[in-house]
Amino acid sequence: MQFQVIHESPSLLVINKPAGISLLRDRSGAADLWSMLTSDRKLYPAHRLDKGTSGVLLIGKTQAAQSELARAFNGHAVRKFYIAQVVGAFPGGSTLTIDLPLRKGRKSRYRVAGMRDAIERHRDGWRINDDGSGLAASTRVRLLSSEGSNSWVVAQPLSGRTHQLRVHLSWTGFPILGDHLYGKPADAAQQADRLMLHCHRLVLPDGSSYSATFP
């Protein structure tokens, strides 16, 4: 499994994570990225990307660097931009905001805190009346281009909920290609060789920015 080093300094390692490999060892026993990265040195994880997601991954080379990065991520001070290919014609024009609180569902999945038919589409995006059972989650999404019956979008999660982008896009009617957890595995329109979700750019509080193009 090959990965690209985007940036390296005495305190920080930035890589372009490949799709299809877990960052940390899981119950499957399959190869994990962390074992490869730490085969000959000590490193400290600062955040995670899902197994299927590729893109920019920040890793501390010291505990102090890890702590600083973790505070920034936990405080939502890191601006994150993802590129995704979704099913359907995503609305063009201005950036839209998906304000849909999330809660944990069955089998480690997450869902919107409410009924799907209660989601309201308005001029600036989507929202739902929260019944108090969910955790606030907000995502900005903008159309990049259309390709046949699919769309390429850039998504900026303003909160850091698990699987937030995947849930938000699926529940608003635009599931990510290759997402069999939150989409419809049998739907031919959603078939892909991988999860079509890529962390394109991360911007740190000090203004430093790291990016990786979609494979």
Protein backbone atom coordinates (compact mmCIF):
# COMPACT_ATOMS: atom_id res chain seq x y z
CA MET A 1 0.00 0.00 0.00
CA GLN A 2 1.60 3.24 -1.18
CA PHE A 3 0.93 6.68 0.26
CA GLN A 4 2.19 10.13 -0.62
CA VAL A 5 3.99 12.35 1.89
CA ILE A 6 2.60 15.86 1.39
CA HIS A 7 4.66 17.62 4.08
CA GLU A 8 7.06 16.72 6.84
CA SER A 9 8.66 18.82 9.57
CA PRO A 10 10.20 18.00 12.96
CA SER A 11 6.73 18.09 14.54
CA LEU A 12 4.27 17.23 11.76
CA LEU A 13 3.75 14.57 9.12
CA VAL A 14 1.07 15.11 6.47
CA ILE A 15 0.17 12.28 4.11
CA ASN A 16 -2.35 11.57 1.38
CA LYS A 17 -4.14 8.54 2.83
CA PRO A 18 -5.18 5.89 0.29
CA ALA A 19 -8.77 4.69 0.15
CA GLY A 20 -9.61 1.20 1.33
CA ILE A 21 -7.24 0.89 4.28
CA SER A 22 -8.01 1.51 7.95
CA LEU A 23 -5.86 3.97 9.83
CA LEU A 24 -5.72 1.73 12.90
CA ARG A 25 -5.93 -2.03 13.28
CA ASP A 26 -9.48 -3.36 13.36
CA ARG A 27 -11.13 -6.70 14.04
CA SER A 28 -10.78 -7.84 10.43
CA GLY A 29 -7.06 -8.40 10.85
CA ALA A 30 -6.40 -6.64 7.52
CA ALA A 31 -3.33 -4.47 7.04
CA ASP A 32 -3.60 -1.05 8.66
CA LEU A 33 -1.88 2.19 7.77
CA TRP A 34 -0.63 2.89 11.29
CA SER A 35 1.48 -0.27 11.40
CA MET A 36 3.18 0.81 8.19
CA LEU A 37 3.79 4.36 9.37
CA THR A 38 5.18 3.36 12.77
CA SER A 39 7.32 0.41 11.72
CA ASP A 40 10.51 2.36 12.42
CA ARG A 41 9.42 5.45 14.42
CA LYS A 42 7.01 6.78 17.02
CA LEU A 43 4.08 8.83 15.78
CA TYR A 44 0.93 10.26 17.38
CA PRO A 45 -2.49 10.29 15.61
CA ALA A 46 -4.27 13.65 15.63
CA HIS A 47 -7.50 12.77 13.80
CA ARG A 48 -8.94 10.01 11.61
CA LEU A 49 -10.36 9.34 8.19
CA ASP A 50 -12.76 6.46 7.49
CA LYS A 51 -11.34 3.33 5.87
CA GLY A 52 -12.93 4.17 2.54
CA THR A 53 -11.99 7.85 2.59
CA SER A 54 -8.77 9.10 1.01
CA GLY A 55 -6.98 12.40 1.39
CA VAL A 56 -5.14 14.70 3.75
CA LEU A 57 -4.22 13.17 7.11
CA LEU A 58 -2.27 15.05 9.80
CA ILE A 59 -0.03 13.13 12.20
CA GLY A 60 1.95 14.47 15.14
CA LYS A 61 5.61 13.54 15.36
CA THR A 62 5.71 14.63 19.01
CA GLN A 63 3.16 14.40 21.81
CA ALA A 64 3.12 18.19 22.05
CA ALA A 65 2.24 18.47 18.36
CA GLN A 66 -0.47 15.84 18.72
CA SER A 67 -2.01 17.69 21.68
CA GLU A 68 -2.04 20.99 19.79
CA LEU A 69 -3.64 19.39 16.72
CA ALA A 70 -6.20 17.53 18.83
CA ARG A 71 -7.24 20.78 20.54
CA ALA A 72 -7.66 22.43 17.15
CA PHE A 73 -9.78 19.59 15.77
CA ASN A 74 -11.87 19.27 18.93
CA GLY A 75 -12.44 23.01 18.96
CA HIS A 76 -13.51 23.00 15.29
CA ALA A 77 -10.65 25.37 14.52
CA VAL A 78 -9.42 23.27 11.58
CA ARG A 79 -11.24 24.05 8.34
CA LYS A 80 -11.91 20.83 6.42
CA PHE A 81 -12.88 20.53 2.75
CA TYR A 82 -13.92 17.26 1.13
CA ILE A 83 -14.68 16.35 -2.46
CA ALA A 84 -17.39 13.77 -3.12
CA GLN A 85 -19.15 12.29 -6.11
CA VAL A 86 -22.84 11.87 -5.36
CA VAL A 87 -25.87 10.34 -7.02
CA GLY A 88 -28.24 12.86 -8.56
CA ALA A 89 -28.21 16.47 -9.71
CA PHE A 90 -27.09 18.51 -6.72
CA PRO A 91 -28.51 22.07 -6.82
CA GLY A 92 -26.14 24.59 -8.36
CA GLY A 93 -25.64 28.25 -7.58
CA SER A 94 -24.83 29.24 -4.02
CA THR A 95 -23.39 27.16 -1.20
CA LEU A 96 -26.11 25.28 0.67
CA THR A 97 -26.12 24.35 4.35
CA ILE A 98 -27.31 21.03 5.73
CA ASP A 99 -28.41 21.52 9.36
CA LEU A 100 -29.45 18.06 10.49
CA PRO A 101 -28.63 16.85 14.03
CA LEU A 102 -27.29 13.30 14.28
CA ARG A 103 -27.66 10.46 16.73
CA LYS A 104 -26.28 6.94 16.90
CA GLY A 105 -28.43 4.29 15.27
CA ARG A 106 -28.17 0.52 15.04
CA LYS A 107 -25.00 -1.46 14.30
CA SER A 108 -22.66 1.52 14.82
CA ARG A 109 -24.43 3.52 12.14
CA TYR A 110 -25.54 7.12 12.57
CA ARG A 111 -28.78 8.74 11.51
CA VAL A 112 -30.51 12.08 11.47
CA ALA A 113 -32.39 12.76 14.72
CA GLY A 114 -35.84 12.72 13.19
CA MET A 115 -37.87 11.20 10.38
CA ARG A 116 -36.65 11.50 6.81
CA ASP A 117 -39.93 13.02 5.63
CA ALA A 118 -39.61 15.73 8.30
CA ILE A 119 -36.52 17.20 6.63
CA GLU A 120 -37.35 20.61 5.16
CA ARG A 121 -35.76 21.93 1.98
CA HIS A 122 -35.50 25.72 1.95
CA ARG A 123 -33.70 28.31 -0.12
CA ASP A 124 -30.39 28.01 1.75
CA GLY A 125 -30.32 24.25 2.33
CA TRP A 126 -31.95 21.64 4.57
CA ARG A 127 -33.06 21.55 8.19
CA ILE A 128 -35.24 19.58 10.58
CA ASN A 129 -36.98 20.41 13.84
CA ASP A 130 -34.75 18.80 16.46
CA ASP A 131 -36.61 16.79 19.08
CA GLY A 132 -33.67 17.16 21.45
CA SER A 133 -32.29 13.67 20.91
CA GLY A 134 -29.56 14.62 18.47
CA LEU A 135 -26.17 16.31 18.40
CA ALA A 136 -25.93 19.47 16.30
CA ALA A 137 -24.32 18.86 12.92
CA SER A 138 -23.89 21.33 10.09
CA THR A 139 -22.31 20.94 6.64
CA ARG A 140 -21.79 23.43 3.83
CA VAL A 141 -22.01 21.93 0.34
CA ARG A 142 -21.41 23.47 -3.08
CA LEU A 143 -21.77 21.98 -6.54
CA LEU A 144 -18.51 21.68 -8.47
CA SER A 145 -19.73 20.00 -11.65
CA SER A 146 -22.29 17.59 -13.07
CA GLU A 147 -21.32 14.36 -14.78
CA GLY A 148 -24.21 12.50 -16.37
CA SER A 149 -26.66 11.61 -13.61
CA ASN A 150 -24.08 12.31 -10.87
CA SER A 151 -22.54 15.42 -9.33
CA TRP A 152 -19.19 16.40 -7.88
CA VAL A 153 -19.50 18.52 -4.75
CA VAL A 154 -17.20 20.14 -2.21
CA ALA A 155 -18.36 19.73 1.39
CA GLN A 156 -17.17 21.55 4.49
CA PRO A 157 -18.25 19.97 7.80
CA LEU A 158 -18.66 22.70 10.41
CA SER A 159 -19.00 20.10 13.16
CA GLY A 160 -17.06 16.88 13.59
CA ARG A 161 -19.66 14.13 13.96
CA THR A 162 -18.91 10.55 12.98
CA HIS A 163 -19.88 9.85 9.34
CA GLN A 164 -21.39 13.33 9.16
CA LEU A 165 -20.87 13.95 5.45
CA ARG A 166 -22.06 10.48 4.49
CA VAL A 167 -25.25 10.77 6.55
CA HIS A 168 -26.03 14.35 5.54
CA LEU A 169 -25.63 13.71 1.83
CA SER A 170 -27.56 10.45 1.93
CA TRP A 171 -30.49 11.81 3.95
CA THR A 172 -30.86 14.83 1.66
CA GLY A 173 -31.10 12.52 -1.36
CA PHE A 174 -27.53 12.59 -2.67
CA PRO A 175 -25.73 9.46 -1.40
CA ILE A 176 -22.02 9.21 -2.09
CA LEU A 177 -21.06 6.71 -4.78
CA GLY A 178 -19.62 3.56 -3.27
CA ASP A 179 -21.17 4.21 0.17
CA HIS A 180 -22.84 0.91 0.99
CA LEU A 181 -23.35 1.83 4.64
CA TYR A 182 -25.60 4.85 4.06
CA GLY A 183 -26.68 4.26 0.49
CA LYS A 184 -28.32 1.45 -1.46
CA PRO A 185 -25.78 -1.29 -2.27
CA ALA A 186 -28.03 -2.79 -4.95
CA ASP A 187 -28.57 0.52 -6.75
CA ALA A 188 -26.61 0.48 -10.01
CA ALA A 189 -26.39 4.30 -9.92
CA GLN A 190 -24.36 4.16 -6.72
CA GLN A 191 -21.84 1.52 -7.76
CA ALA A 192 -18.17 2.50 -7.61
CA ASP A 193 -14.82 0.83 -7.05
CA ARG A 194 -14.38 2.80 -3.82
CA LEU A 195 -16.10 5.29 -1.54
CA MET A 196 -15.97 8.46 -3.61
CA LEU A 197 -15.08 10.73 -0.70
CA HIS A 198 -11.73 12.52 -0.44
CA CYS A 199 -10.35 14.97 2.13
CA HIS A 200 -9.11 17.59 -0.29
CA ARG A 201 -7.77 20.32 2.02
CA LEU A 202 -7.17 21.07 5.70
CA VAL A 203 -6.47 24.59 6.95
CA LEU A 204 -4.95 24.98 10.43
CA PRO A 205 -5.58 27.91 12.80
CA ASP A 206 -2.20 29.42 11.94
CA GLY A 207 -3.21 29.61 8.27
CA SER A 208 -1.09 26.72 7.03
CA SER A 209 -2.90 24.66 4.42
CA TYR A 210 -2.36 21.13 3.12
CA SER A 211 -4.12 19.66 0.10
CA ALA A 212 -4.23 16.55 -2.04
CA THR A 213 -6.00 16.10 -5.37
CA PHE A 214 -8.58 13.36 -5.82
CA PRO A 215 -6.86 10.23 -7.21
